[in-house]
Structures are given as structure tokens and as C-alpha cells.
N, C-alpha and C. Protein backbone atom coordinates (compact mmCIF):
# COMPACT_ATOMS: atom_id res chain seq x y z
N MET A 1 -19.81 -20.00 21.98
CA MET A 1 -18.66 -19.11 21.91
C MET A 1 -19.14 -17.78 21.32
N SER A 2 -18.77 -16.70 21.96
CA SER A 2 -19.16 -15.38 21.47
C SER A 2 -18.34 -15.03 20.23
N ILE A 3 -18.83 -14.04 19.51
CA ILE A 3 -18.13 -13.60 18.29
C ILE A 3 -16.75 -13.07 18.64
N ARG A 4 -16.64 -12.34 19.74
CA ARG A 4 -15.35 -11.79 20.15
C ARG A 4 -14.36 -12.91 20.48
N THR A 5 -14.83 -13.90 21.23
CA THR A 5 -13.96 -15.03 21.58
C THR A 5 -13.52 -15.78 20.33
N GLU A 6 -14.43 -15.94 19.38
CA GLU A 6 -14.10 -16.63 18.14
C GLU A 6 -13.05 -15.85 17.34
N LYS A 7 -13.19 -14.53 17.29
CA LYS A 7 -12.21 -13.71 16.58
C LYS A 7 -10.84 -13.78 17.26
N VAL A 8 -10.83 -13.70 18.59
CA VAL A 8 -9.57 -13.78 19.33
C VAL A 8 -8.92 -15.14 19.10
N THR A 9 -9.72 -16.19 19.11
CA THR A 9 -9.20 -17.54 18.88
C THR A 9 -8.55 -17.65 17.51
N ASN A 10 -9.19 -17.12 16.49
CA ASN A 10 -8.63 -17.17 15.14
C ASN A 10 -7.32 -16.39 15.03
N VAL A 11 -7.28 -15.22 15.64
CA VAL A 11 -6.05 -14.41 15.59
C VAL A 11 -4.93 -15.09 16.37
N LEU A 12 -5.24 -15.66 17.53
CA LEU A 12 -4.22 -16.34 18.32
C LEU A 12 -3.66 -17.55 17.58
N THR A 13 -4.52 -18.29 16.88
CA THR A 13 -4.06 -19.43 16.10
C THR A 13 -3.09 -18.98 15.02
N ARG A 14 -3.44 -17.91 14.32
CA ARG A 14 -2.58 -17.40 13.25
C ARG A 14 -1.25 -16.89 13.80
N LEU A 15 -1.31 -16.13 14.90
CA LEU A 15 -0.08 -15.59 15.49
C LEU A 15 0.82 -16.68 16.04
N ALA A 16 0.23 -17.70 16.66
CA ALA A 16 1.03 -18.82 17.18
C ALA A 16 1.72 -19.55 16.04
N ALA A 17 1.00 -19.75 14.93
CA ALA A 17 1.60 -20.42 13.77
C ALA A 17 2.77 -19.59 13.22
N GLU A 18 2.59 -18.28 13.13
CA GLU A 18 3.67 -17.42 12.65
C GLU A 18 4.88 -17.48 13.57
N PHE A 19 4.63 -17.42 14.87
CA PHE A 19 5.72 -17.43 15.85
C PHE A 19 6.49 -18.74 15.80
N PHE A 20 5.76 -19.87 15.79
CA PHE A 20 6.43 -21.17 15.78
C PHE A 20 7.19 -21.39 14.48
N GLU A 21 6.66 -20.91 13.38
CA GLU A 21 7.35 -21.03 12.10
C GLU A 21 8.67 -20.26 12.13
N ARG A 22 8.64 -19.08 12.74
CA ARG A 22 9.82 -18.23 12.79
C ARG A 22 10.87 -18.78 13.76
N GLU A 23 10.44 -19.31 14.90
CA GLU A 23 11.36 -19.70 15.96
C GLU A 23 11.84 -21.15 15.89
N ALA A 24 11.04 -22.04 15.34
CA ALA A 24 11.39 -23.47 15.35
C ALA A 24 12.47 -23.79 14.34
N SER A 25 13.22 -24.82 14.64
CA SER A 25 14.24 -25.27 13.69
C SER A 25 13.56 -26.14 12.63
N ASN A 26 14.33 -26.54 11.66
CA ASN A 26 13.79 -27.37 10.59
C ASN A 26 13.84 -28.85 10.91
N ALA A 27 14.10 -29.21 12.17
CA ALA A 27 14.19 -30.62 12.55
C ALA A 27 12.83 -31.31 12.50
N SER A 28 11.75 -30.55 12.70
CA SER A 28 10.41 -31.13 12.64
C SER A 28 9.44 -30.08 12.10
N LEU A 29 8.34 -30.59 11.58
CA LEU A 29 7.28 -29.73 11.05
C LEU A 29 6.23 -29.56 12.14
N ILE A 30 6.02 -28.33 12.58
CA ILE A 30 5.04 -28.03 13.63
C ILE A 30 3.90 -27.28 12.99
N THR A 31 2.69 -27.83 13.13
CA THR A 31 1.50 -27.21 12.56
C THR A 31 0.51 -26.91 13.69
N VAL A 32 0.09 -25.66 13.78
CA VAL A 32 -0.94 -25.29 14.75
C VAL A 32 -2.28 -25.67 14.14
N THR A 33 -3.00 -26.59 14.79
CA THR A 33 -4.28 -27.05 14.25
C THR A 33 -5.45 -26.19 14.70
N HIS A 34 -5.48 -25.85 15.99
CA HIS A 34 -6.52 -24.94 16.49
C HIS A 34 -6.15 -24.47 17.88
N THR A 35 -6.93 -23.53 18.38
CA THR A 35 -6.70 -22.95 19.71
C THR A 35 -8.02 -22.91 20.45
N ASP A 36 -7.98 -23.22 21.74
CA ASP A 36 -9.14 -23.07 22.62
C ASP A 36 -8.83 -21.96 23.61
N VAL A 37 -9.78 -21.05 23.79
CA VAL A 37 -9.60 -19.93 24.71
C VAL A 37 -10.73 -19.97 25.74
N THR A 38 -10.38 -19.71 27.00
CA THR A 38 -11.41 -19.65 28.04
C THR A 38 -12.29 -18.43 27.80
N PRO A 39 -13.54 -18.46 28.28
CA PRO A 39 -14.44 -17.32 28.04
C PRO A 39 -13.92 -15.98 28.57
N ASP A 40 -13.12 -16.00 29.64
CA ASP A 40 -12.57 -14.75 30.17
C ASP A 40 -11.29 -14.32 29.46
N LEU A 41 -10.85 -15.10 28.46
CA LEU A 41 -9.67 -14.82 27.63
C LEU A 41 -8.36 -14.77 28.42
N LYS A 42 -8.31 -15.45 29.56
CA LYS A 42 -7.09 -15.43 30.36
C LYS A 42 -6.17 -16.62 30.09
N LYS A 43 -6.72 -17.71 29.52
CA LYS A 43 -5.93 -18.89 29.21
C LYS A 43 -6.26 -19.36 27.81
N ALA A 44 -5.23 -19.79 27.10
CA ALA A 44 -5.42 -20.33 25.76
C ALA A 44 -4.60 -21.61 25.63
N THR A 45 -5.21 -22.63 25.04
CA THR A 45 -4.51 -23.87 24.78
C THR A 45 -4.32 -23.99 23.27
N ILE A 46 -3.08 -24.12 22.86
CA ILE A 46 -2.74 -24.22 21.45
C ILE A 46 -2.48 -25.70 21.15
N TYR A 47 -3.22 -26.23 20.17
CA TYR A 47 -3.08 -27.63 19.79
C TYR A 47 -2.22 -27.70 18.53
N VAL A 48 -1.23 -28.59 18.57
CA VAL A 48 -0.29 -28.70 17.46
C VAL A 48 -0.19 -30.13 16.97
N SER A 49 0.21 -30.25 15.73
CA SER A 49 0.54 -31.52 15.12
C SER A 49 2.01 -31.46 14.75
N ILE A 50 2.75 -32.53 15.04
CA ILE A 50 4.20 -32.53 14.83
C ILE A 50 4.58 -33.72 13.96
N PHE A 51 5.40 -33.44 12.95
CA PHE A 51 5.90 -34.49 12.08
C PHE A 51 7.41 -34.35 11.98
N PRO A 52 8.17 -35.37 12.09
CA PRO A 52 7.87 -36.77 12.32
C PRO A 52 7.57 -37.05 13.79
N ASP A 53 6.91 -38.17 14.03
CA ASP A 53 6.47 -38.52 15.38
C ASP A 53 7.62 -38.71 16.36
N ASP A 54 8.77 -39.16 15.88
CA ASP A 54 9.89 -39.40 16.79
C ASP A 54 10.51 -38.10 17.32
N LYS A 55 10.19 -36.97 16.73
CA LYS A 55 10.69 -35.66 17.19
C LYS A 55 9.66 -34.95 18.07
N GLU A 56 8.54 -35.62 18.37
CA GLU A 56 7.43 -35.00 19.08
C GLU A 56 7.82 -34.48 20.47
N ASN A 57 8.51 -35.29 21.27
CA ASN A 57 8.88 -34.87 22.63
C ASN A 57 9.81 -33.67 22.62
N ALA A 58 10.77 -33.67 21.73
CA ALA A 58 11.70 -32.53 21.64
C ALA A 58 10.96 -31.27 21.21
N ALA A 59 10.04 -31.41 20.25
CA ALA A 59 9.31 -30.25 19.76
C ALA A 59 8.37 -29.68 20.83
N ILE A 60 7.69 -30.55 21.55
CA ILE A 60 6.79 -30.08 22.63
C ILE A 60 7.61 -29.39 23.71
N GLY A 61 8.75 -29.93 24.05
CA GLY A 61 9.63 -29.29 25.03
C GLY A 61 10.03 -27.90 24.57
N PHE A 62 10.40 -27.78 23.30
CA PHE A 62 10.76 -26.49 22.72
C PHE A 62 9.59 -25.51 22.81
N LEU A 63 8.40 -25.96 22.42
CA LEU A 63 7.23 -25.09 22.43
C LEU A 63 6.88 -24.62 23.84
N LYS A 64 6.98 -25.51 24.79
CA LYS A 64 6.65 -25.15 26.17
C LYS A 64 7.68 -24.18 26.75
N ARG A 65 8.93 -24.32 26.35
CA ARG A 65 9.97 -23.39 26.83
C ARG A 65 9.78 -21.99 26.27
N HIS A 66 9.15 -21.87 25.11
CA HIS A 66 9.00 -20.58 24.44
C HIS A 66 7.62 -19.95 24.62
N ARG A 67 6.84 -20.41 25.59
CA ARG A 67 5.50 -19.85 25.80
C ARG A 67 5.54 -18.37 26.19
N SER A 68 6.49 -17.99 27.02
CA SER A 68 6.55 -16.58 27.43
C SER A 68 6.94 -15.68 26.26
N GLU A 69 7.83 -16.17 25.40
CA GLU A 69 8.18 -15.41 24.20
C GLU A 69 7.00 -15.30 23.25
N LEU A 70 6.20 -16.37 23.17
CA LEU A 70 4.98 -16.33 22.36
C LEU A 70 4.03 -15.27 22.91
N ARG A 71 3.91 -15.21 24.22
CA ARG A 71 3.03 -14.22 24.85
C ARG A 71 3.52 -12.80 24.53
N ASP A 72 4.81 -12.57 24.57
CA ASP A 72 5.36 -11.26 24.22
C ASP A 72 5.10 -10.93 22.75
N TYR A 73 5.22 -11.94 21.88
CA TYR A 73 4.96 -11.75 20.45
C TYR A 73 3.50 -11.37 20.22
N VAL A 74 2.59 -12.08 20.88
CA VAL A 74 1.16 -11.78 20.75
C VAL A 74 0.86 -10.38 21.28
N LYS A 75 1.51 -10.03 22.39
CA LYS A 75 1.32 -8.70 22.97
C LYS A 75 1.73 -7.60 22.00
N SER A 76 2.79 -7.85 21.24
CA SER A 76 3.27 -6.84 20.28
C SER A 76 2.38 -6.75 19.04
N LYS A 77 1.64 -7.81 18.74
CA LYS A 77 0.83 -7.84 17.52
C LYS A 77 -0.66 -7.55 17.76
N MET A 78 -1.13 -7.71 18.99
CA MET A 78 -2.55 -7.52 19.30
C MET A 78 -2.71 -6.42 20.33
N SER A 79 -3.79 -5.69 20.22
CA SER A 79 -4.08 -4.70 21.26
C SER A 79 -5.28 -5.20 22.06
N MET A 80 -4.95 -5.94 23.10
CA MET A 80 -5.96 -6.49 24.00
C MET A 80 -5.63 -6.06 25.42
N LYS A 81 -6.66 -5.93 26.20
CA LYS A 81 -6.47 -5.57 27.60
C LYS A 81 -5.74 -6.69 28.34
N THR A 82 -6.16 -7.92 28.11
CA THR A 82 -5.57 -9.08 28.76
C THR A 82 -5.01 -10.02 27.71
N ILE A 83 -3.73 -10.32 27.81
CA ILE A 83 -3.10 -11.29 26.91
C ILE A 83 -3.14 -12.64 27.64
N PRO A 84 -3.64 -13.68 26.98
CA PRO A 84 -3.79 -14.97 27.68
C PRO A 84 -2.44 -15.64 27.96
N TYR A 85 -2.47 -16.51 28.96
CA TYR A 85 -1.34 -17.40 29.23
C TYR A 85 -1.55 -18.64 28.39
N PHE A 86 -0.47 -19.18 27.83
CA PHE A 86 -0.58 -20.25 26.85
C PHE A 86 -0.17 -21.60 27.41
N GLU A 87 -0.87 -22.61 26.96
CA GLU A 87 -0.50 -24.01 27.13
C GLU A 87 -0.37 -24.58 25.72
N VAL A 88 0.48 -25.57 25.57
CA VAL A 88 0.67 -26.21 24.26
C VAL A 88 0.46 -27.71 24.44
N GLU A 89 -0.38 -28.29 23.58
CA GLU A 89 -0.66 -29.73 23.65
C GLU A 89 -0.69 -30.32 22.25
N ILE A 90 -0.44 -31.62 22.20
CA ILE A 90 -0.56 -32.36 20.94
C ILE A 90 -2.04 -32.51 20.62
N ASP A 91 -2.39 -32.31 19.38
CA ASP A 91 -3.79 -32.47 18.95
C ASP A 91 -4.06 -33.96 18.76
N ALA A 92 -4.68 -34.59 19.75
CA ALA A 92 -4.94 -36.03 19.71
C ALA A 92 -5.93 -36.37 18.59
N GLY A 93 -6.88 -35.50 18.33
CA GLY A 93 -7.85 -35.75 17.26
C GLY A 93 -7.18 -35.85 15.91
N GLU A 94 -6.25 -34.97 15.64
CA GLU A 94 -5.52 -35.00 14.38
C GLU A 94 -4.65 -36.25 14.28
N LYS A 95 -4.05 -36.62 15.40
CA LYS A 95 -3.21 -37.81 15.41
C LYS A 95 -4.04 -39.06 15.12
N ASN A 96 -5.23 -39.13 15.71
CA ASN A 96 -6.12 -40.27 15.47
C ASN A 96 -6.59 -40.29 14.01
N ARG A 97 -6.87 -39.13 13.44
CA ARG A 97 -7.28 -39.06 12.05
C ARG A 97 -6.19 -39.60 11.12
N GLN A 98 -4.94 -39.25 11.44
CA GLN A 98 -3.82 -39.73 10.63
C GLN A 98 -3.69 -41.25 10.71
N LYS A 99 -3.91 -41.82 11.90
CA LYS A 99 -3.85 -43.28 12.06
C LYS A 99 -4.95 -43.95 11.26
N ILE A 100 -6.14 -43.38 11.27
CA ILE A 100 -7.25 -43.94 10.51
C ILE A 100 -6.95 -43.88 9.02
N ASP A 101 -6.40 -42.76 8.55
CA ASP A 101 -6.01 -42.65 7.15
C ASP A 101 -4.99 -43.71 6.76
N ASP A 102 -4.00 -43.94 7.64
CA ASP A 102 -2.99 -44.96 7.35
C ASP A 102 -3.61 -46.36 7.27
N LEU A 103 -4.55 -46.64 8.18
CA LEU A 103 -5.22 -47.95 8.16
C LEU A 103 -6.07 -48.12 6.91
N LEU A 104 -6.72 -47.06 6.47
CA LEU A 104 -7.54 -47.15 5.27
C LEU A 104 -6.71 -47.36 4.01
N ARG A 105 -5.51 -46.84 4.00
CA ARG A 105 -4.63 -47.01 2.85
C ARG A 105 -4.12 -48.44 2.72
N GLN A 106 -4.06 -49.16 3.83
CA GLN A 106 -3.51 -50.53 3.82
C GLN A 106 -4.49 -51.53 3.29
């Protein structure tokens, strides 16, 4: 990953977290864990962790419905030639880590 791509990834992660914090309701806790950006910076996948688990489907639906608003928010905060299109996914690695922690506690 180039230095520029790494910087863009860090800024996009921070901006996505700010946007979701501002727009989401208090029904669930949405945490942006990390972001992957393609080398051409045209697509970005935002990985999130959602608590509680039973609100996961509703929260993902909410996040996917607000992708265009997220793109507008990023456009207003960053000066880039190309603003990426966003995908939102559950961070499976984080979910597995939480399961392992629960098993170790038992």
C-alpha cells in the first residue's frame, strides 16, 4: 500500500466514523473498525462492528441506505479528485475475536 493510499484510508475511516456517529440512532452501537481502498481510490469498503448482535441487520440496512450521503459528507470534508464509492460490511475478524474472548472467559 502506498503512503497516499494509507493516508486516504485513515482519513476515510475517521470520516465514516464521524458520519455514522452523527446519523445513526442510539438503538445500536456502530464502530468503524477499518477501511480498505482499491489502489485507484475509486472504491472503499468500510468494515463495521455492531452491538448488540440482534440489531445487526437493521444497522447494516441503515448504513447501506446512507452510502450516498456518506459520499457527500466525505466530498465536503476532503479535497480529492476522485471520491470513492462505498460498500459497508460486517468485520468478520472482529466478530470472531469477540467469540474467542467469550470462550476464553468461560
